[in-house]
Amino acid sequence: MADASVIETGHEADFGDYVALLKPRVMSLVVFTALVGLLVAPVSVNPVIGFASILFIAIGGGASGALNMWWDADIDAVMKRTQGRPVPSGRVTGNNAMIFGLWLSVIAVLMLGLTANYLAAGLLAFTIFFYAVVYTMWLKRSTPQNIVIGGAAGAFPPMIGWAVATGSVGIESILMFALIFMWTPPHFWALALFMNQDYSKAGVPMLTVTHGKRVTRNHILVYTIALVPFALAIAFTSIGGPLYFAVSLVLNALFLKGAYDIWKRQEEQAETDNYATERKVFRISLYYLFLHFALLLVEATVKGFGYNMAAWPQWI
């Protein structure tokens, strides 16, 4: 981590700057998937404990973001989409971002352990470590597999939410983890195709930089195909059902079609239309993940009204 390109502005950091350190958009995904993991679990949780647990999971996710911004200040200062972040813009010093992230990490893990259970706290601690150390400090700058392996950090929240409710890890939480883990590479590689110049300038070894866009397009298609069985498998667990299965089929068909459209594109064509297809598929990937987890909430709500769909595979 280097600070040579970080701007010193003399601007005194305000509350909003520290909120920005938490990466609110990323945190919203952490909160949502963790909440789904908690709510679809077969064990009910006291609302106060549930709310507090989600709050501490959110704080832990924000702590990871702050530590990431501290370490990545040098490359964030080079990339157009990250230049305005609090540390590279000089609104928050790197040292303050680090201390902020470390303190939030300690608070989040300890309080989750006291509020819920120590399995959930241990998973949260490992998630923060994995994102801040394994991904940010090691993988991101050293291998084009950074997104593939590092995607595990973003896949843990529903497993943590499940652990809050059950005190255990079940096949359902593993499959929710796998859904996010397998979704992450094609999602971020679609972004990398039209943001490649940023990654190249910053020296981040994304697949588009190290192996080229043709190889990246191939990988997007392969990983999207590999994602489908994990997404559909959830339908046949205790948290799935016919509605999830039907809509998941449509979502996976759309994502596969998008991945195929990216795969068959020639680079000259993509440059001509400013990567319109790649941008579209990136947006589709966002809806894809959100709707899968929203469907799990719908299934849980239906079952909460006493409609047992456990034997639904026998109906089709």
Protein backbone atom coordinates (compact mmCIF):
# COMPACT_ATOMS: atom_id res chain seq x y z
CA MET A 1 0.00 0.00 0.00
CA ALA A 2 1.42 3.36 -1.04
CA ASP A 3 0.17 6.88 -0.32
CA ALA A 4 2.19 8.75 -2.93
CA SER A 5 -0.82 9.52 -5.10
CA VAL A 6 -3.22 10.36 -2.29
CA ILE A 7 -4.27 14.01 -2.24
CA GLU A 8 -3.84 16.12 0.88
CA THR A 9 -6.71 18.64 0.93
CA GLY A 10 -6.76 19.95 4.47
CA HIS A 11 -10.50 19.19 4.49
CA GLU A 12 -11.71 18.06 7.90
CA ALA A 13 -13.55 14.77 7.65
CA ASP A 14 -17.25 14.89 8.47
CA PHE A 15 -19.78 12.20 9.35
CA GLY A 16 -20.60 11.54 5.70
CA ASP A 17 -16.97 10.81 4.89
CA TYR A 18 -16.84 8.08 7.51
CA VAL A 19 -20.13 6.66 6.28
CA ALA A 20 -18.62 6.53 2.78
CA LEU A 21 -15.70 4.51 4.20
CA LEU A 22 -18.18 1.76 5.01
CA LYS A 23 -19.06 1.28 1.32
CA PRO A 24 -22.83 1.67 1.86
CA ARG A 25 -23.82 0.05 -1.44
CA VAL A 26 -21.76 -3.04 -0.69
CA MET A 27 -23.03 -3.02 2.89
CA SER A 28 -26.62 -3.02 1.65
CA LEU A 29 -25.98 -6.34 -0.13
CA VAL A 30 -24.34 -7.72 3.02
CA VAL A 31 -27.33 -6.68 5.13
CA PHE A 32 -29.91 -8.01 2.69
CA THR A 33 -28.36 -11.44 2.17
CA ALA A 34 -27.59 -11.83 5.89
CA LEU A 35 -31.19 -10.89 6.72
CA VAL A 36 -32.48 -13.46 4.25
CA GLY A 37 -30.23 -16.11 5.78
CA LEU A 38 -31.63 -15.28 9.20
CA LEU A 39 -35.29 -15.10 8.19
CA VAL A 40 -35.42 -18.29 6.10
CA ALA A 41 -33.74 -20.38 8.80
CA PRO A 42 -35.99 -22.98 10.47
CA VAL A 43 -35.49 -21.40 13.91
CA SER A 44 -37.25 -18.18 14.87
CA VAL A 45 -35.20 -15.38 16.41
CA ASN A 46 -36.31 -12.76 18.91
CA PRO A 47 -36.81 -9.56 16.86
CA VAL A 48 -34.54 -7.52 19.13
CA ILE A 49 -31.76 -10.09 18.88
CA GLY A 50 -32.31 -10.38 15.15
CA PHE A 51 -32.16 -6.62 14.62
CA ALA A 52 -29.02 -6.27 16.75
CA SER A 53 -27.36 -9.19 14.97
CA ILE A 54 -28.00 -7.71 11.53
CA LEU A 55 -26.72 -4.35 12.78
CA PHE A 56 -23.43 -5.91 13.95
CA ILE A 57 -23.09 -7.88 10.70
CA ALA A 58 -23.56 -4.57 8.83
CA ILE A 59 -20.92 -2.90 11.00
CA GLY A 60 -18.55 -5.79 10.30
CA GLY A 61 -19.17 -5.43 6.58
CA GLY A 62 -18.53 -1.70 6.83
CA ALA A 63 -15.33 -2.34 8.76
CA SER A 64 -14.10 -4.49 5.89
CA GLY A 65 -14.83 -1.64 3.49
CA ALA A 66 -12.89 0.85 5.60
CA LEU A 67 -9.86 -1.45 5.80
CA ASN A 68 -10.08 -2.03 2.05
CA MET A 69 -10.10 1.73 1.38
CA TRP A 70 -7.14 2.25 3.71
CA TRP A 71 -5.01 -0.37 1.97
CA ASP A 72 -6.12 0.43 -1.58
CA ALA A 73 -5.79 4.22 -1.36
CA ASP A 74 -2.94 4.26 -3.89
CA ILE A 75 -4.78 2.35 -6.60
CA ASP A 76 -8.11 4.04 -5.79
CA ALA A 77 -6.41 7.37 -6.54
CA VAL A 78 -5.57 6.14 -10.05
CA MET A 79 -8.94 4.65 -11.00
CA LYS A 80 -11.61 7.05 -12.23
CA ARG A 81 -14.51 5.34 -10.45
CA THR A 82 -12.73 5.36 -7.06
CA GLN A 83 -10.85 8.69 -7.05
CA GLY A 84 -13.59 10.37 -5.07
CA ARG A 85 -13.41 7.95 -2.14
CA PRO A 86 -12.58 9.53 1.25
CA VAL A 87 -8.95 8.36 1.52
CA PRO A 88 -7.58 9.00 -2.01
CA SER A 89 -9.38 12.35 -2.11
CA GLY A 90 -7.70 13.32 1.15
CA ARG A 91 -10.89 13.80 3.19
CA VAL A 92 -9.91 11.01 5.59
CA THR A 93 -6.31 10.04 6.35
CA GLY A 94 -5.22 6.47 5.74
CA ASN A 95 -4.30 6.06 9.39
CA ASN A 96 -7.74 7.16 10.55
CA ALA A 97 -9.42 4.81 8.07
CA MET A 98 -7.34 1.91 9.37
CA ILE A 99 -8.08 2.67 13.04
CA PHE A 100 -11.78 3.15 12.23
CA GLY A 101 -11.93 -0.19 10.42
CA LEU A 102 -10.08 -2.10 13.14
CA TRP A 103 -12.22 -0.72 15.96
CA LEU A 104 -15.44 -1.45 14.08
CA SER A 105 -14.21 -4.99 13.40
CA VAL A 106 -13.57 -5.66 17.07
CA ILE A 107 -16.89 -4.14 18.15
CA ALA A 108 -18.90 -6.02 15.51
CA VAL A 109 -17.40 -9.44 16.25
CA LEU A 110 -17.55 -9.15 20.04
CA MET A 111 -21.09 -7.80 20.09
CA LEU A 112 -22.37 -10.41 17.62
CA GLY A 113 -20.89 -13.12 19.82
CA LEU A 114 -22.62 -11.69 22.90
CA THR A 115 -25.89 -11.01 21.09
CA ALA A 116 -26.26 -14.17 19.02
CA ASN A 117 -23.62 -16.91 19.32
CA TYR A 118 -19.93 -17.42 18.82
CA LEU A 119 -20.26 -19.43 15.62
CA ALA A 120 -21.86 -16.43 13.93
CA ALA A 121 -19.21 -14.16 15.45
CA GLY A 122 -16.43 -16.46 14.28
CA LEU A 123 -17.81 -16.49 10.75
CA LEU A 124 -18.02 -12.68 10.79
CA ALA A 125 -14.43 -12.41 12.04
CA PHE A 126 -13.24 -14.78 9.32
CA THR A 127 -15.19 -12.81 6.69
CA ILE A 128 -13.55 -9.53 7.73
CA PHE A 129 -10.12 -11.18 7.75
CA PHE A 130 -10.71 -12.81 4.38
CA TYR A 131 -11.81 -9.59 2.71
CA ALA A 132 -9.28 -7.25 4.32
CA VAL A 133 -6.23 -9.51 4.35
CA VAL A 134 -6.64 -12.46 1.96
CA TYR A 135 -8.43 -10.54 -0.80
CA THR A 136 -7.40 -6.88 -0.39
CA MET A 137 -3.80 -7.27 0.76
CA TRP A 138 -2.89 -10.43 -1.14
CA LEU A 139 -5.11 -11.70 -3.94
CA LYS A 140 -6.22 -8.39 -5.48
CA ARG A 141 -2.71 -7.36 -6.48
CA SER A 142 -1.17 -10.75 -7.10
CA THR A 143 -3.43 -12.96 -9.24
CA PRO A 144 -6.16 -12.74 -11.89
CA GLN A 145 -8.03 -15.23 -9.70
CA ASN A 146 -8.55 -12.39 -7.20
CA ILE A 147 -12.28 -12.17 -7.85
CA VAL A 148 -12.77 -15.95 -8.00
CA ILE A 149 -11.22 -16.68 -4.60
CA GLY A 150 -11.99 -13.32 -3.05
CA GLY A 151 -15.67 -13.74 -3.87
CA ALA A 152 -15.95 -15.90 -0.76
CA ALA A 153 -15.89 -12.77 1.39
CA GLY A 154 -19.13 -11.52 -0.13
CA ALA A 155 -20.70 -14.97 0.05
CA PHE A 156 -20.51 -15.44 3.83
CA PRO A 157 -23.28 -13.03 5.03
CA PRO A 158 -26.27 -15.38 4.45
CA MET A 159 -24.32 -18.13 6.18
CA ILE A 160 -23.72 -15.77 9.13
CA GLY A 161 -27.41 -14.89 9.26
CA TRP A 162 -28.31 -18.59 9.24
CA ALA A 163 -25.81 -19.22 12.05
CA VAL A 164 -27.37 -16.41 14.11
CA ALA A 165 -30.71 -18.24 14.01
CA THR A 166 -29.59 -21.86 14.20
CA GLY A 167 -26.13 -21.81 15.76
CA SER A 168 -25.05 -24.14 12.95
CA VAL A 169 -24.19 -24.40 9.27
CA GLY A 170 -26.65 -26.30 7.09
CA ILE A 171 -26.83 -27.35 3.45
CA GLU A 172 -29.18 -24.43 2.83
CA SER A 173 -26.66 -21.86 4.05
CA ILE A 174 -23.89 -23.58 2.10
CA LEU A 175 -25.93 -23.32 -1.09
CA MET A 176 -26.70 -19.64 -0.44
CA PHE A 177 -22.95 -19.14 -0.02
CA ALA A 178 -22.31 -21.05 -3.26
CA LEU A 179 -24.86 -18.97 -5.16
CA ILE A 180 -23.05 -15.73 -4.34
CA PHE A 181 -19.60 -17.28 -4.70
CA MET A 182 -20.29 -18.58 -8.23
CA TRP A 183 -22.15 -15.41 -9.24
CA THR A 184 -19.30 -13.08 -8.29
CA PRO A 185 -16.79 -13.84 -11.11
CA PRO A 186 -19.13 -13.32 -14.10
CA HIS A 187 -20.63 -10.28 -12.37
CA PHE A 188 -17.28 -8.55 -11.85
CA TRP A 189 -15.72 -9.71 -15.12
CA ALA A 190 -18.62 -8.11 -17.01
CA LEU A 191 -17.72 -4.88 -15.18
CA ALA A 192 -14.02 -5.38 -15.91
CA LEU A 193 -14.66 -5.59 -19.66
CA PHE A 194 -15.82 -1.97 -19.81
CA MET A 195 -13.65 -0.72 -16.92
CA ASN A 196 -10.46 -2.42 -18.10
CA GLN A 197 -8.54 0.81 -18.61
CA ASP A 198 -8.95 1.68 -14.93
CA TYR A 199 -7.63 -1.68 -13.78
CA SER A 200 -4.77 -1.53 -16.25
CA LYS A 201 -3.69 1.95 -15.09
CA ALA A 202 -3.83 0.86 -11.45
CA GLY A 203 -1.85 -2.30 -12.10
CA VAL A 204 -4.62 -4.55 -10.75
CA PRO A 205 -4.20 -8.00 -12.39
CA MET A 206 -7.81 -8.50 -13.39
CA LEU A 207 -8.34 -11.26 -15.94
CA THR A 208 -8.98 -8.64 -18.63
CA VAL A 209 -5.52 -7.17 -17.96
CA THR A 210 -3.48 -10.37 -17.62
CA HIS A 211 -5.16 -12.65 -20.17
CA GLY A 212 -7.14 -10.30 -22.38
CA LYS A 213 -10.81 -9.72 -23.04
CA ARG A 214 -11.31 -12.78 -25.23
CA VAL A 215 -10.27 -15.09 -22.39
CA THR A 216 -12.44 -13.08 -20.00
CA ARG A 217 -15.45 -13.52 -22.26
CA ASN A 218 -14.85 -17.28 -22.28
CA HIS A 219 -14.60 -17.36 -18.51
CA ILE A 220 -17.85 -15.40 -18.08
CA LEU A 221 -19.75 -17.99 -20.10
CA VAL A 222 -18.16 -20.96 -18.30
CA TYR A 223 -18.77 -19.58 -14.82
CA THR A 224 -22.35 -18.60 -15.64
CA ILE A 225 -23.06 -22.14 -16.82
CA ALA A 226 -21.47 -23.49 -13.62
CA LEU A 227 -23.60 -21.12 -11.53
CA VAL A 228 -26.95 -22.49 -12.74
CA PRO A 229 -26.96 -25.85 -10.86
CA PHE A 230 -26.22 -24.13 -7.55
CA ALA A 231 -29.00 -21.59 -8.07
CA LEU A 232 -31.55 -24.26 -8.97
CA ALA A 233 -30.45 -26.69 -6.26
CA ILE A 234 -31.72 -24.30 -3.58
CA ALA A 235 -35.25 -24.90 -4.87
CA PHE A 236 -35.10 -28.50 -3.63
CA THR A 237 -34.08 -27.65 -0.06
CA SER A 238 -36.24 -26.65 2.89
CA ILE A 239 -35.96 -22.95 1.96
CA GLY A 240 -36.90 -23.38 -1.70
CA GLY A 241 -40.13 -24.14 -3.49
CA PRO A 242 -41.99 -24.04 -6.81
CA LEU A 243 -42.10 -20.26 -7.08
CA TYR A 244 -38.37 -19.97 -6.48
CA PHE A 245 -37.74 -22.74 -9.00
CA ALA A 246 -39.92 -21.23 -11.73
CA VAL A 247 -38.54 -17.70 -11.45
CA SER A 248 -34.98 -18.98 -11.03
CA LEU A 249 -35.31 -20.81 -14.34
CA VAL A 250 -36.21 -17.52 -16.03
CA LEU A 251 -33.45 -15.58 -14.29
CA ASN A 252 -30.84 -18.18 -15.18
CA ALA A 253 -32.02 -18.25 -18.79
CA LEU A 254 -31.62 -14.46 -18.98
CA PHE A 255 -28.18 -14.53 -17.37
CA LEU A 256 -27.05 -17.37 -19.62
CA LYS A 257 -28.32 -15.50 -22.67
CA GLY A 258 -26.39 -12.43 -21.55
CA ALA A 259 -23.22 -14.45 -20.96
CA TYR A 260 -23.58 -16.01 -24.42
CA ASP A 261 -24.06 -12.56 -25.98
CA ILE A 262 -20.86 -11.38 -24.26
CA TRP A 263 -18.99 -14.52 -25.37
CA LYS A 264 -19.85 -14.16 -29.06
CA ARG A 265 -18.96 -10.45 -29.22
CA GLN A 266 -15.89 -9.27 -31.07
CA GLU A 267 -13.88 -6.56 -29.34
CA GLU A 268 -14.21 -4.12 -32.25
CA GLN A 269 -18.00 -4.40 -32.01
CA ALA A 270 -17.94 -3.86 -28.24
CA GLU A 271 -15.78 -0.75 -28.54
CA THR A 272 -18.03 0.68 -31.23
CA ASP A 273 -21.15 0.62 -29.05
CA ASN A 274 -19.28 1.47 -25.82
CA TYR A 275 -19.75 -2.02 -24.39
CA ALA A 276 -23.55 -1.73 -24.36
CA THR A 277 -24.06 -5.50 -24.05
CA GLU A 278 -21.52 -5.87 -21.26
CA ARG A 279 -23.12 -3.01 -19.31
CA LYS A 280 -26.55 -4.57 -19.79
CA VAL A 281 -25.39 -7.97 -18.54
CA PHE A 282 -23.73 -6.34 -15.53
CA ARG A 283 -27.09 -4.77 -14.62
CA ILE A 284 -28.87 -8.08 -15.18
CA SER A 285 -26.44 -9.77 -12.81
CA LEU A 286 -27.45 -7.34 -10.04
CA TYR A 287 -31.13 -8.13 -10.47
CA TYR A 288 -30.28 -11.82 -10.73
CA LEU A 289 -28.80 -12.02 -7.24
CA PHE A 290 -31.31 -9.70 -5.57
CA LEU A 291 -34.31 -11.56 -6.97
CA HIS A 292 -32.99 -14.99 -5.98
CA PHE A 293 -32.72 -13.91 -2.35
CA ALA A 294 -36.03 -12.03 -2.50
CA LEU A 295 -37.67 -15.22 -3.74
CA LEU A 296 -36.36 -17.07 -0.70
CA LEU A 297 -38.09 -14.50 1.50
CA VAL A 298 -41.32 -14.99 -0.44
CA GLU A 299 -41.09 -18.77 -0.01
CA ALA A 300 -40.47 -18.34 3.73
CA THR A 301 -43.46 -15.99 4.00
CA VAL A 302 -45.74 -18.45 2.21
CA LYS A 303 -44.62 -21.25 4.50
CA GLY A 304 -45.13 -18.96 7.47
CA PHE A 305 -48.83 -18.86 6.60
CA GLY A 306 -48.93 -22.63 6.94
CA TYR A 307 -48.75 -23.63 3.29
CA ASN A 308 -46.38 -26.59 3.28
CA MET A 309 -44.60 -26.96 -0.03
CA ALA A 310 -41.99 -29.46 1.20
CA ALA A 311 -43.28 -32.11 -1.19
CA TRP A 312 -43.57 -29.80 -4.18
CA PRO A 313 -41.19 -31.78 -6.47
CA GLN A 314 -43.80 -34.53 -6.52
CA TRP A 315 -46.27 -32.16 -8.16
CA ILE A 316 -44.27 -31.65 -11.35
